[in-house]
Amino acid sequence: MPKNNETVVKCKWVLPKKMNIDNSVRYRARLVAKGYMQKQNVDYSEIFSSVVRSFNFEITLCIICKLDTHLDATAAFLNGDLEETIYIEIPECLSNSQNNYNNKVLKLNEAIYGLKQSSRAWYKSVDECLVGKWL
């Protein structure tokens, strides 16, 4: 359970509708934190993450093509480890009078979309992987 100074972040479902190449509809669901509720120096400390230069990105794409491999950054923010302890409310659609989830929270193990520190968590995970592998 959260301590007195820890914020319980609310979240919501984002339900985009995508079109496939064959014009069929594909539905997606993404649970997004309401990061505007987070308090600096309580729920997060640093949120800075560097941005790659376009030249470096182009070189990376050339290497990927040359090695005949692929790069997939889909759901990238969902793979960043959190340094802070973050709790989120159980979404309303999962919390009702028929189950025992009312007034309970979930502790996040990894970042989700919407958190202030999600991009930094992803950056640090990738940086540690790349530095550990090639340097």
C-alpha atoms as a PDB file:
ATOM      1  CA  MET A   1       0.000   0.000   0.000  1.00  0.00           C
ATOM      2  CA  PRO A   2       1.171   3.542  -0.671  1.00  0.00           C
ATOM      3  CA  LYS A   3       2.743   5.560   2.101  1.00  0.00           C
ATOM      4  CA  ASN A   4       1.229   8.891   3.117  1.00  0.00           C
ATOM      5  CA  ASN A   5       3.407  10.955   0.762  1.00  0.00           C
ATOM      6  CA  GLU A   6       3.018   8.675  -2.289  1.00  0.00           C
ATOM      7  CA  THR A   7       0.495   9.619  -4.938  1.00  0.00           C
ATOM      8  CA  VAL A   8      -1.956   7.122  -6.344  1.00  0.00           C
ATOM      9  CA  VAL A   9      -2.085   8.001 -10.034  1.00  0.00           C
ATOM     10  CA  LYS A  10      -5.393   7.665 -11.814  1.00  0.00           C
ATOM     11  CA  CYS A  11      -5.471   6.105 -15.259  1.00  0.00           C
ATOM     12  CA  LYS A  12      -7.811   5.761 -18.199  1.00  0.00           C
ATOM     13  CA  TRP A  13      -8.291   3.564 -21.234  1.00  0.00           C
ATOM     14  CA  VAL A  14      -7.474   5.004 -24.650  1.00  0.00           C
ATOM     15  CA  LEU A  15      -9.260   3.080 -27.391  1.00  0.00           C
ATOM     16  CA  PRO A  16      -7.953   4.027 -30.839  1.00  0.00           C
ATOM     17  CA  LYS A  17      -9.429   2.501 -33.970  1.00  0.00           C
ATOM     18  CA  LYS A  18      -6.860   1.642 -36.670  1.00  0.00           C
ATOM     19  CA  MET A  19      -7.360   0.725 -40.303  1.00  0.00           C
ATOM     20  CA  ASN A  20      -5.444  -2.192 -41.777  1.00  0.00           C
ATOM     21  CA  ILE A  21      -4.112  -2.143 -45.335  1.00  0.00           C
ATOM     22  CA  ASP A  22      -7.113  -4.203 -46.473  1.00  0.00           C
ATOM     23  CA  ASN A  23      -9.484  -1.579 -44.935  1.00  0.00           C
ATOM     24  CA  SER A  24     -10.504  -3.855 -42.093  1.00  0.00           C
ATOM     25  CA  VAL A  25     -10.790  -2.207 -38.696  1.00  0.00           C
ATOM     26  CA  ARG A  26      -8.455  -3.085 -35.860  1.00  0.00           C
ATOM     27  CA  TYR A  27      -9.258  -1.989 -32.322  1.00  0.00           C
ATOM     28  CA  ARG A  28      -6.547  -1.307 -29.769  1.00  0.00           C
ATOM     29  CA  ALA A  29      -6.672  -0.646 -26.050  1.00  0.00           C
ATOM     30  CA  ARG A  30      -4.022   1.176 -24.070  1.00  0.00           C
ATOM     31  CA  LEU A  31      -4.057   1.890 -20.341  1.00  0.00           C
ATOM     32  CA  VAL A  32      -2.622   5.381 -19.833  1.00  0.00           C
ATOM     33  CA  ALA A  33      -1.605   7.006 -16.555  1.00  0.00           C
ATOM     34  CA  LYS A  34      -2.805  10.521 -15.820  1.00  0.00           C
ATOM     35  CA  GLY A  35       0.739  11.774 -15.295  1.00  0.00           C
ATOM     36  CA  TYR A  36      -0.385  15.321 -14.575  1.00  0.00           C
ATOM     37  CA  MET A  37      -1.299  14.038 -11.091  1.00  0.00           C
ATOM     38  CA  GLN A  38       2.319  13.161 -10.295  1.00  0.00           C
ATOM     39  CA  LYS A  39       4.287  15.405  -7.944  1.00  0.00           C
ATOM     40  CA  GLN A  40       7.891  16.321  -8.710  1.00  0.00           C
ATOM     41  CA  ASN A  41      10.420  15.022  -6.135  1.00  0.00           C
ATOM     42  CA  VAL A  42       7.716  12.725  -4.724  1.00  0.00           C
ATOM     43  CA  ASP A  43       6.605  10.551  -7.648  1.00  0.00           C
ATOM     44  CA  TYR A  44       9.533  11.292  -9.948  1.00  0.00           C
ATOM     45  CA  SER A  45      12.863  13.076  -9.849  1.00  0.00           C
ATOM     46  CA  GLU A  46      14.321  13.250 -13.352  1.00  0.00           C
ATOM     47  CA  ILE A  47      12.408  13.084 -16.604  1.00  0.00           C
ATOM     48  CA  PHE A  48      15.115  14.167 -19.046  1.00  0.00           C
ATOM     49  CA  SER A  49      15.931  11.733 -21.844  1.00  0.00           C
ATOM     50  CA  SER A  50      18.252  12.604 -24.678  1.00  0.00           C
ATOM     51  CA  VAL A  51      17.151  12.605 -28.302  1.00  0.00           C
ATOM     52  CA  VAL A  52      19.173  10.872 -30.982  1.00  0.00           C
ATOM     53  CA  ARG A  53      20.634  12.978 -33.787  1.00  0.00           C
ATOM     54  CA  SER A  54      19.138  12.298 -37.200  1.00  0.00           C
ATOM     55  CA  PHE A  55      22.566  11.296 -38.580  1.00  0.00           C
ATOM     56  CA  ASN A  56      22.984   8.639 -35.873  1.00  0.00           C
ATOM     57  CA  PHE A  57      19.490   7.349 -36.533  1.00  0.00           C
ATOM     58  CA  GLU A  58      20.191   7.103 -40.265  1.00  0.00           C
ATOM     59  CA  ILE A  59      23.435   5.187 -39.602  1.00  0.00           C
ATOM     60  CA  THR A  60      21.515   2.817 -37.325  1.00  0.00           C
ATOM     61  CA  LEU A  61      18.943   2.203 -40.066  1.00  0.00           C
ATOM     62  CA  CYS A  62      21.743   1.527 -42.577  1.00  0.00           C
ATOM     63  CA  ILE A  63      23.308  -1.047 -40.240  1.00  0.00           C
ATOM     64  CA  ILE A  64      19.923  -2.702 -39.687  1.00  0.00           C
ATOM     65  CA  CYS A  65      19.385  -2.944 -43.454  1.00  0.00           C
ATOM     66  CA  LYS A  66      22.907  -4.243 -44.072  1.00  0.00           C
ATOM     67  CA  LEU A  67      22.472  -6.959 -41.434  1.00  0.00           C
ATOM     68  CA  ASP A  68      19.039  -7.800 -42.892  1.00  0.00           C
ATOM     69  CA  THR A  69      17.408  -7.539 -39.487  1.00  0.00           C
ATOM     70  CA  HIS A  70      14.667  -5.351 -38.042  1.00  0.00           C
ATOM     71  CA  LEU A  71      14.087  -2.743 -35.364  1.00  0.00           C
ATOM     72  CA  ASP A  72      10.845  -2.733 -33.445  1.00  0.00           C
ATOM     73  CA  ALA A  73      10.147  -0.028 -30.893  1.00  0.00           C
ATOM     74  CA  THR A  74       6.447  -0.783 -30.547  1.00  0.00           C
ATOM     75  CA  ALA A  75       5.329  -0.335 -26.959  1.00  0.00           C
ATOM     76  CA  ALA A  76       8.796   0.963 -26.103  1.00  0.00           C
ATOM     77  CA  PHE A  77       7.707   2.860 -22.996  1.00  0.00           C
ATOM     78  CA  LEU A  78       6.281  -0.343 -21.539  1.00  0.00           C
ATOM     79  CA  ASN A  79       9.774  -1.820 -21.271  1.00  0.00           C
ATOM     80  CA  GLY A  80      11.410   0.805 -19.065  1.00  0.00           C
ATOM     81  CA  ASP A  81      12.125  -0.092 -15.443  1.00  0.00           C
ATOM     82  CA  LEU A  82      10.867   2.413 -12.893  1.00  0.00           C
ATOM     83  CA  GLU A  83      13.235   3.743 -10.236  1.00  0.00           C
ATOM     84  CA  GLU A  84      10.367   5.120  -8.174  1.00  0.00           C
ATOM     85  CA  THR A  85       7.485   3.274  -6.565  1.00  0.00           C
ATOM     86  CA  ILE A  86       4.313   4.155  -8.462  1.00  0.00           C
ATOM     87  CA  TYR A  87       0.766   3.088  -7.641  1.00  0.00           C
ATOM     88  CA  ILE A  88      -2.231   3.407  -9.958  1.00  0.00           C
ATOM     89  CA  GLU A  89      -5.927   3.124  -9.302  1.00  0.00           C
ATOM     90  CA  ILE A  90      -7.673   0.099 -10.715  1.00  0.00           C
ATOM     91  CA  PRO A  91      -9.654   1.348 -13.737  1.00  0.00           C
ATOM     92  CA  GLU A  92     -13.389   1.745 -13.174  1.00  0.00           C
ATOM     93  CA  CYS A  93     -14.277  -0.928 -15.720  1.00  0.00           C
ATOM     94  CA  LEU A  94     -12.425  -3.495 -13.570  1.00  0.00           C
ATOM     95  CA  SER A  95     -13.587  -2.176 -10.221  1.00  0.00           C
ATOM     96  CA  ASN A  96     -17.245  -2.648  -9.380  1.00  0.00           C
ATOM     97  CA  SER A  97     -19.488  -3.858  -6.595  1.00  0.00           C
ATOM     98  CA  GLN A  98     -19.294  -7.490  -7.778  1.00  0.00           C
ATOM     99  CA  ASN A  99     -15.581  -7.897  -7.166  1.00  0.00           C
ATOM    100  CA  ASN A 100     -13.283  -7.052  -4.294  1.00  0.00           C
ATOM    101  CA  TYR A 101     -11.141  -4.433  -6.079  1.00  0.00           C
ATOM    102  CA  ASN A 102     -12.774  -1.302  -4.659  1.00  0.00           C
ATOM    103  CA  ASN A 103     -10.338   0.957  -2.791  1.00  0.00           C
ATOM    104  CA  LYS A 104      -7.345  -1.114  -3.915  1.00  0.00           C
ATOM    105  CA  VAL A 105      -4.390  -0.012  -6.014  1.00  0.00           C
ATOM    106  CA  LEU A 106      -1.827  -1.620  -8.306  1.00  0.00           C
ATOM    107  CA  LYS A 107       1.928  -1.213  -7.928  1.00  0.00           C
ATOM    108  CA  LEU A 108       3.683  -0.717 -11.280  1.00  0.00           C
ATOM    109  CA  ASN A 109       6.825  -2.725 -11.963  1.00  0.00           C
ATOM    110  CA  GLU A 110       7.511  -1.022 -15.296  1.00  0.00           C
ATOM    111  CA  ALA A 111       6.590   2.276 -16.885  1.00  0.00           C
ATOM    112  CA  ILE A 112       3.314   2.789 -18.709  1.00  0.00           C
ATOM    113  CA  TYR A 113       2.204   5.481 -21.128  1.00  0.00           C
ATOM    114  CA  GLY A 114       1.406   8.801 -19.510  1.00  0.00           C
ATOM    115  CA  LEU A 115       3.877   8.732 -16.616  1.00  0.00           C
ATOM    116  CA  LYS A 116       6.233  11.708 -16.475  1.00  0.00           C
ATOM    117  CA  GLN A 117       9.284   9.415 -16.258  1.00  0.00           C
ATOM    118  CA  SER A 118       8.308   6.855 -18.924  1.00  0.00           C
ATOM    119  CA  SER A 119      10.592   8.193 -21.652  1.00  0.00           C
ATOM    120  CA  ARG A 120      13.545   8.445 -19.249  1.00  0.00           C
ATOM    121  CA  ALA A 121      12.960   4.882 -18.007  1.00  0.00           C
ATOM    122  CA  TRP A 122      12.981   3.628 -21.619  1.00  0.00           C
ATOM    123  CA  TYR A 123      16.087   5.672 -22.442  1.00  0.00           C
ATOM    124  CA  LYS A 124      17.963   4.297 -19.420  1.00  0.00           C
ATOM    125  CA  SER A 125      17.002   0.699 -20.247  1.00  0.00           C
ATOM    126  CA  VAL A 126      18.166   1.038 -23.861  1.00  0.00           C
ATOM    127  CA  ASP A 127      21.321   2.898 -22.828  1.00  0.00           C
ATOM    128  CA  GLU A 128      22.284   0.189 -20.306  1.00  0.00           C
ATOM    129  CA  CYS A 129      21.662  -2.520 -22.900  1.00  0.00           C
ATOM    130  CA  LEU A 130      23.663  -0.845 -25.661  1.00  0.00           C
ATOM    131  CA  VAL A 131      26.567   0.222 -23.441  1.00  0.00           C
ATOM    132  CA  GLY A 132      26.708  -3.239 -21.883  1.00  0.00           C
ATOM    133  CA  LYS A 133      26.689  -4.951 -25.254  1.00  0.00           C
ATOM    134  CA  TRP A 134      29.075  -2.837 -27.321  1.00  0.00           C
ATOM    135  CA  LEU A 135      31.249  -0.780 -24.974  1.00  0.00           C
END
